[in-house]
Amino acid sequence: MPRLKRKATKERLLRRVRRQRVKHITVLPSLVTILNGVCGFTAIVFTSKGPEAGIGQLSHFAMACYMILAAMIADMLDGRLARISQNTSSFGGQLDSLCDTISFGVAPAFLMLKVLEHKLAGFAELNPASGSFLQRFIWVAAAAYVSCAAIRLARFNVENEEDESAHMSFVGLPSPAAAGVLVSLVMFQQQTLPVLFAKNPQAYLVCENAIVYTLPFLALGTAILMVSRIRYPHILNQYLKGKKPFAHLIWALLFLALIVWSRLAAPLVLIFCGFAASSFVKWFYYKVIRKKRFIPVGQSAAADLIEPSEAQVPK
């Protein structure tokens, strides 16, 4: 009898798996989503080759940055294509999160880790104790970033709604924006700072040290923002979708011209860092500064002296 029961239970589980098997998928959005993951994997490959020159005058680190940016473009397109064709599915959402974990979780963390290891290699030789501590701290920052990115994407899958009207904001910093903070700084360090070195070596050293020593803390900060409950606006849906004033087109064209003229790196630092900090600053102002400003000085102390039996219960 126990064997018959186990066999019957196994058959029921197999039938349930067969019923849940994916039979149809949307090909074009899925291909764009997979392109996102391939770009992230390519970024990891380029990062593993070190700071040596790759294609043209770009270093392998800079090429990895461009691959992550290409993954961001693919990430914007796949969801849009699925909604236009009205073929959104749970399979597409899960595939998108898996590819995002590679492109915006593992790839930026690995890029930051390798860049800092290369920059701090000489310091570790001069001071082995401090160098070993810094290497462990950088590894912890990278591991925390990857973990929070995975948690943020898993939470998004659970809480996501397929209705387009529900996609006007994000709960927590989106993983592409968090990756953009790290990637834009690495790109600035790889492309813009060498030009600055020929003009002003002192300014180059200041900027170089500032980027190197702030990257681990920025990784930890963006990791916390990803799993926070701070709301971030959906830029595409709020400001670019639908009919907008003509001035929006002019500002968009000027913004694109600025990016092309300045070789992409510097504006991206301002865009991603400004976006990541904007909602946090707004939250901090309303939840901490403004709240303290409007609470009378003795109110909290007086409230603490009231016994629970004397508290008024709202009717």
Protein backbone atom coordinates (compact mmCIF):
# COMPACT_ATOMS: atom_id res chain seq x y z
CA MET A 1 0.00 0.00 0.00
CA PRO A 2 2.68 2.61 0.81
CA ARG A 3 4.30 1.97 -2.58
CA LEU A 4 0.95 2.43 -4.36
CA LYS A 5 0.37 5.69 -2.50
CA ARG A 6 3.83 7.00 -3.41
CA LYS A 7 3.27 6.01 -7.03
CA ALA A 8 -0.11 7.77 -7.13
CA THR A 9 1.38 10.91 -5.55
CA LYS A 10 4.22 10.90 -8.09
CA GLU A 11 1.76 10.57 -10.96
CA ARG A 12 -0.29 13.51 -9.65
CA LEU A 13 2.84 15.67 -9.42
CA LEU A 14 3.85 14.73 -12.97
CA ARG A 15 0.39 15.62 -14.27
CA ARG A 16 0.58 18.98 -12.48
CA VAL A 17 3.99 19.70 -14.04
CA ARG A 18 2.65 18.82 -17.48
CA ARG A 19 -0.27 21.23 -17.03
CA GLN A 20 2.12 24.04 -16.04
CA ARG A 21 4.50 23.43 -18.96
CA VAL A 22 5.08 26.49 -21.17
CA LYS A 23 3.58 25.87 -24.61
CA HIS A 24 3.74 29.28 -26.28
CA ILE A 25 6.11 32.25 -25.97
CA THR A 26 6.44 35.59 -27.72
CA VAL A 27 9.55 35.29 -29.87
CA LEU A 28 10.61 38.90 -30.51
CA PRO A 29 10.39 40.24 -26.92
CA SER A 30 12.07 37.06 -25.65
CA LEU A 31 14.93 37.49 -28.13
CA VAL A 32 15.46 41.09 -27.01
CA THR A 33 15.41 39.96 -23.37
CA ILE A 34 18.01 37.28 -24.11
CA LEU A 35 20.09 39.94 -25.89
CA ASN A 36 20.04 41.83 -22.59
CA GLY A 37 21.52 38.81 -20.79
CA VAL A 38 24.09 38.20 -23.56
CA CYS A 39 25.27 41.81 -23.30
CA GLY A 40 25.69 41.37 -19.55
CA PHE A 41 27.67 38.17 -20.06
CA THR A 42 29.85 39.91 -22.68
CA ALA A 43 30.50 42.70 -20.19
CA ILE A 44 31.74 40.11 -17.69
CA VAL A 45 34.04 38.61 -20.34
CA PHE A 46 35.50 42.02 -21.22
CA THR A 47 35.98 42.85 -17.54
CA SER A 48 37.90 39.63 -16.95
CA LYS A 49 40.47 40.67 -19.59
CA GLY A 50 41.66 43.60 -17.49
CA PRO A 51 42.40 47.25 -18.30
CA GLU A 52 44.37 46.57 -21.48
CA ALA A 53 43.30 48.16 -24.76
CA GLY A 54 40.55 46.35 -26.63
CA ILE A 55 38.89 47.58 -29.82
CA GLY A 56 40.36 50.87 -31.00
CA GLN A 57 41.37 53.09 -28.11
CA LEU A 58 38.82 51.65 -25.69
CA SER A 59 39.99 49.58 -22.75
CA HIS A 60 38.28 46.32 -21.90
CA PHE A 61 36.71 48.02 -18.87
CA ALA A 62 35.21 50.73 -21.10
CA MET A 63 33.92 48.10 -23.51
CA ALA A 64 32.25 46.32 -20.60
CA CYS A 65 30.54 49.61 -19.69
CA TYR A 66 29.17 49.95 -23.21
CA MET A 67 27.88 46.38 -23.10
CA ILE A 68 25.94 47.13 -19.90
CA LEU A 69 24.51 50.26 -21.51
CA ALA A 70 23.45 48.14 -24.49
CA ALA A 71 21.76 45.77 -22.03
CA MET A 72 19.83 48.74 -20.63
CA ILE A 73 18.54 49.61 -24.09
CA ALA A 74 17.46 46.00 -24.64
CA ASP A 75 15.77 46.01 -21.23
CA MET A 76 13.75 49.08 -22.19
CA LEU A 77 12.71 47.57 -25.52
CA ASP A 78 11.60 44.08 -24.49
CA GLY A 79 8.82 45.18 -22.14
CA ARG A 80 7.67 47.82 -24.59
CA LEU A 81 7.49 45.27 -27.42
CA ALA A 82 5.55 42.84 -25.25
CA ARG A 83 2.98 45.50 -24.30
CA ILE A 84 2.61 46.76 -27.86
CA SER A 85 1.92 43.24 -29.11
CA GLN A 86 -0.30 42.59 -26.01
CA ASN A 87 1.64 39.40 -25.26
CA THR A 88 2.91 39.99 -21.73
CA SER A 89 3.34 36.75 -19.79
CA SER A 90 4.77 35.40 -16.57
CA PHE A 91 7.47 33.61 -18.59
CA GLY A 92 8.65 36.92 -20.07
CA GLY A 93 8.75 38.54 -16.64
CA GLN A 94 10.81 35.73 -15.12
CA LEU A 95 13.19 35.66 -18.10
CA ASP A 96 13.62 39.43 -17.89
CA SER A 97 14.53 39.28 -14.20
CA LEU A 98 17.07 36.49 -14.76
CA CYS A 99 18.78 38.47 -17.51
CA ASP A 100 18.65 41.66 -15.41
CA THR A 101 20.40 39.82 -12.58
CA ILE A 102 23.29 39.11 -14.95
CA SER A 103 23.46 42.50 -16.66
CA PHE A 104 22.62 44.85 -13.77
CA GLY A 105 23.60 42.71 -10.79
CA VAL A 106 26.62 40.51 -11.48
CA ALA A 107 28.25 42.48 -14.33
CA PRO A 108 28.47 45.92 -12.59
CA ALA A 109 29.63 44.36 -9.31
CA PHE A 110 32.33 42.33 -11.08
CA LEU A 111 33.40 45.40 -13.07
CA MET A 112 33.73 47.48 -9.90
CA LEU A 113 35.66 44.65 -8.21
CA LYS A 114 38.20 44.27 -11.02
CA VAL A 115 38.70 48.04 -11.51
CA LEU A 116 39.41 48.57 -7.81
CA GLU A 117 41.64 45.50 -7.59
CA HIS A 118 43.73 46.89 -10.43
CA LYS A 119 43.94 50.37 -8.93
CA LEU A 120 44.77 49.17 -5.40
CA ALA A 121 47.29 46.49 -6.43
CA GLY A 122 50.29 48.77 -5.81
CA PHE A 123 48.93 49.94 -2.47
CA ALA A 124 48.43 46.33 -1.35
CA GLU A 125 52.08 45.58 -2.07
CA LEU A 126 53.28 48.56 -0.01
CA ASN A 127 50.92 47.90 2.90
CA PRO A 128 49.75 44.26 2.94
CA ALA A 129 47.56 44.57 6.07
CA SER A 130 45.58 47.59 4.85
CA GLY A 131 45.50 46.20 1.32
CA SER A 132 44.00 42.92 2.52
CA PHE A 133 41.33 44.78 4.50
CA LEU A 134 40.42 46.94 1.49
CA GLN A 135 40.16 43.90 -0.77
CA ARG A 136 37.78 42.18 1.68
CA PHE A 137 35.70 45.34 2.01
CA ILE A 138 35.43 45.70 -1.77
CA TRP A 139 34.37 42.05 -2.07
CA VAL A 140 31.72 42.54 0.63
CA ALA A 141 30.40 45.64 -1.18
CA ALA A 142 30.20 43.74 -4.49
CA ALA A 143 28.51 40.73 -2.84
CA ALA A 144 25.98 43.00 -1.10
CA TYR A 145 25.21 44.73 -4.39
CA VAL A 146 24.58 41.42 -6.20
CA SER A 147 22.42 40.12 -3.34
CA CYS A 148 20.27 43.26 -3.15
CA ALA A 149 19.86 43.33 -6.93
CA ALA A 150 18.57 39.75 -6.87
CA ILE A 151 16.22 40.53 -3.96
CA ARG A 152 14.93 43.68 -5.68
CA LEU A 153 14.17 41.78 -8.91
CA ALA A 154 12.49 38.91 -7.08
CA ARG A 155 10.33 41.37 -5.13
CA PHE A 156 9.42 43.15 -8.37
CA ASN A 157 8.20 39.84 -9.86
CA VAL A 158 5.98 39.19 -6.86
CA GLU A 159 4.53 42.70 -6.64
CA ASN A 160 4.41 43.52 -10.36
CA GLU A 161 1.09 44.31 -12.04
CA GLU A 162 0.62 43.86 -15.78
CA ASP A 163 -1.59 46.96 -16.02
CA GLU A 164 0.33 49.74 -17.77
CA SER A 165 -1.21 52.41 -15.52
CA ALA A 166 0.49 50.77 -12.51
CA HIS A 167 3.95 51.32 -14.03
CA MET A 168 4.28 55.04 -13.28
CA SER A 169 6.80 54.56 -10.49
CA PHE A 170 9.11 51.97 -8.95
CA VAL A 171 9.34 50.86 -5.33
CA GLY A 172 13.06 51.04 -4.68
CA LEU A 173 15.83 52.10 -7.04
CA PRO A 174 15.52 50.16 -10.33
CA SER A 175 18.43 47.79 -10.94
CA PRO A 176 19.40 49.40 -14.32
CA ALA A 177 19.70 52.79 -12.61
CA ALA A 178 21.80 51.29 -9.80
CA ALA A 179 24.07 49.67 -12.38
CA GLY A 180 24.24 53.00 -14.22
CA VAL A 181 25.71 54.72 -11.17
CA LEU A 182 28.67 52.33 -11.07
CA VAL A 183 29.07 51.99 -14.84
CA SER A 184 29.00 55.74 -15.55
CA LEU A 185 31.72 56.39 -12.96
CA VAL A 186 33.92 53.62 -14.36
CA MET A 187 33.35 54.95 -17.89
CA PHE A 188 34.26 58.45 -16.72
CA GLN A 189 37.41 57.09 -15.10
CA GLN A 190 38.38 55.12 -18.19
CA GLN A 191 37.56 57.67 -20.92
CA THR A 192 37.43 61.21 -19.58
CA LEU A 193 40.14 61.21 -16.94
CA PRO A 194 42.98 60.21 -19.32
CA VAL A 195 42.18 63.34 -21.36
CA LEU A 196 42.27 65.40 -18.17
CA PHE A 197 45.67 63.94 -17.25
CA ALA A 198 47.34 65.60 -20.25
CA LYS A 199 45.90 69.01 -19.27
CA ASN A 200 46.05 68.96 -15.47
CA PRO A 201 47.75 65.98 -13.73
CA GLN A 202 46.84 67.28 -10.26
CA ALA A 203 43.14 67.39 -11.07
CA TYR A 204 43.44 63.93 -12.59
CA LEU A 205 44.83 62.49 -9.36
CA VAL A 206 42.09 64.12 -7.27
CA CYS A 207 39.30 62.78 -9.51
CA GLU A 208 40.92 59.37 -9.78
CA ASN A 209 41.22 58.94 -6.01
CA ALA A 210 37.69 60.26 -5.46
CA ILE A 211 36.21 57.69 -7.84
CA VAL A 212 38.30 54.78 -6.58
CA TYR A 213 37.55 55.35 -2.90
CA THR A 214 33.84 56.16 -3.30
CA LEU A 215 32.88 53.28 -5.60
CA PRO A 216 32.50 50.65 -2.81
CA PHE A 217 30.38 53.03 -0.72
CA LEU A 218 28.25 53.88 -3.75
CA ALA A 219 27.77 50.16 -4.37
CA LEU A 220 26.55 49.71 -0.80
CA GLY A 221 24.34 52.80 -1.03
CA THR A 222 22.68 51.76 -4.29
CA ALA A 223 22.24 48.23 -2.88
CA ILE A 224 20.28 49.64 0.08
CA LEU A 225 18.23 51.90 -2.20
CA MET A 226 17.29 48.94 -4.41
CA VAL A 227 15.66 47.06 -1.53
CA SER A 228 14.20 50.19 0.08
CA ARG A 229 10.58 51.35 -0.20
CA ILE A 230 11.48 54.76 -1.61
CA ARG A 231 9.49 55.48 -4.77
CA TYR A 232 11.33 56.39 -7.97
CA PRO A 233 9.51 57.78 -11.03
CA HIS A 234 9.24 55.81 -14.26
CA ILE A 235 10.92 58.36 -16.55
CA LEU A 236 9.62 56.91 -19.81
CA ASN A 237 5.99 56.59 -18.72
CA GLN A 238 5.81 59.89 -16.81
CA TYR A 239 7.72 62.29 -19.03
CA LEU A 240 8.01 60.83 -22.54
CA LYS A 241 4.89 58.76 -23.11
CA GLY A 242 1.82 60.27 -24.75
CA LYS A 243 1.29 63.89 -25.81
CA LYS A 244 3.66 66.37 -24.19
CA PRO A 245 4.38 70.08 -24.69
CA PHE A 246 6.68 71.05 -27.55
CA ALA A 247 9.28 72.20 -25.02
CA HIS A 248 9.80 68.57 -23.98
CA LEU A 249 11.06 67.79 -27.50
CA ILE A 250 13.48 70.73 -27.43
CA TRP A 251 14.87 69.70 -24.03
CA ALA A 252 15.24 66.09 -25.19
CA LEU A 253 17.16 67.17 -28.31
CA LEU A 254 19.44 69.45 -26.29
CA PHE A 255 20.04 66.66 -23.82
CA LEU A 256 21.01 64.19 -26.59
CA ALA A 257 23.29 66.80 -28.17
CA LEU A 258 25.03 67.32 -24.81
CA ILE A 259 25.62 63.57 -24.46
CA VAL A 260 27.12 63.26 -27.95
CA TRP A 261 29.24 66.40 -27.60
CA SER A 262 30.71 65.39 -24.24
CA ARG A 263 31.54 61.80 -25.26
CA LEU A 264 28.74 60.32 -23.18
CA ALA A 265 30.57 59.75 -19.88
CA ALA A 266 30.14 63.00 -17.92
CA PRO A 267 26.38 63.45 -18.58
CA LEU A 268 25.74 59.83 -17.66
CA VAL A 269 27.37 60.37 -14.26
CA LEU A 270 25.05 63.33 -13.65
CA ILE A 271 21.99 61.45 -14.93
CA PHE A 272 22.38 58.22 -12.97
CA CYS A 273 23.78 59.72 -9.77
CA GLY A 274 21.19 62.51 -9.84
CA PHE A 275 18.34 60.06 -10.41
CA ALA A 276 19.51 57.76 -7.60
CA ALA A 277 19.92 60.66 -5.16
CA SER A 278 16.80 62.65 -6.11
CA SER A 279 14.13 60.44 -4.56
CA PHE A 280 16.29 59.68 -1.52
CA VAL A 281 16.81 63.40 -0.87
CA LYS A 282 13.07 64.02 -1.26
CA TRP A 283 12.25 61.14 1.10
CA PHE A 284 14.81 62.32 3.65
CA TYR A 285 13.43 65.86 3.55
CA TYR A 286 9.78 64.89 4.03
CA LYS A 287 10.33 62.03 6.50
CA VAL A 288 13.08 63.52 8.67
CA ILE A 289 13.68 67.26 8.26
CA ARG A 290 10.14 68.49 7.60
CA LYS A 291 8.62 66.09 10.12
CA LYS A 292 10.90 67.38 12.89
CA ARG A 293 10.22 70.95 11.88
CA PHE A 294 6.46 70.65 12.37
CA ILE A 295 6.53 68.65 15.64
CA PRO A 296 6.43 70.94 18.74
CA VAL A 297 9.43 70.62 20.98
CA GLY A 298 7.65 69.24 24.05
CA GLN A 299 5.01 67.17 22.25
CA SER A 300 6.95 63.91 22.00
CA ALA A 301 8.13 64.15 25.61
CA ALA A 302 4.62 64.88 26.87
CA ALA A 303 3.21 61.99 24.87
CA ASP A 304 5.71 59.63 26.47
CA LEU A 305 4.50 60.65 29.97
CA ILE A 306 0.86 59.70 29.28
CA GLU A 307 -0.06 56.33 30.70
CA PRO A 308 -1.67 53.82 28.30
CA SER A 309 -4.88 53.89 30.40
CA GLU A 310 -5.15 57.67 29.99
CA ALA A 311 -4.73 57.63 26.20
CA GLN A 312 -7.79 58.54 24.23
CA VAL A 313 -9.08 55.78 22.02
CA PRO A 314 -10.54 57.08 18.72
CA LYS A 315 -14.15 56.14 18.19
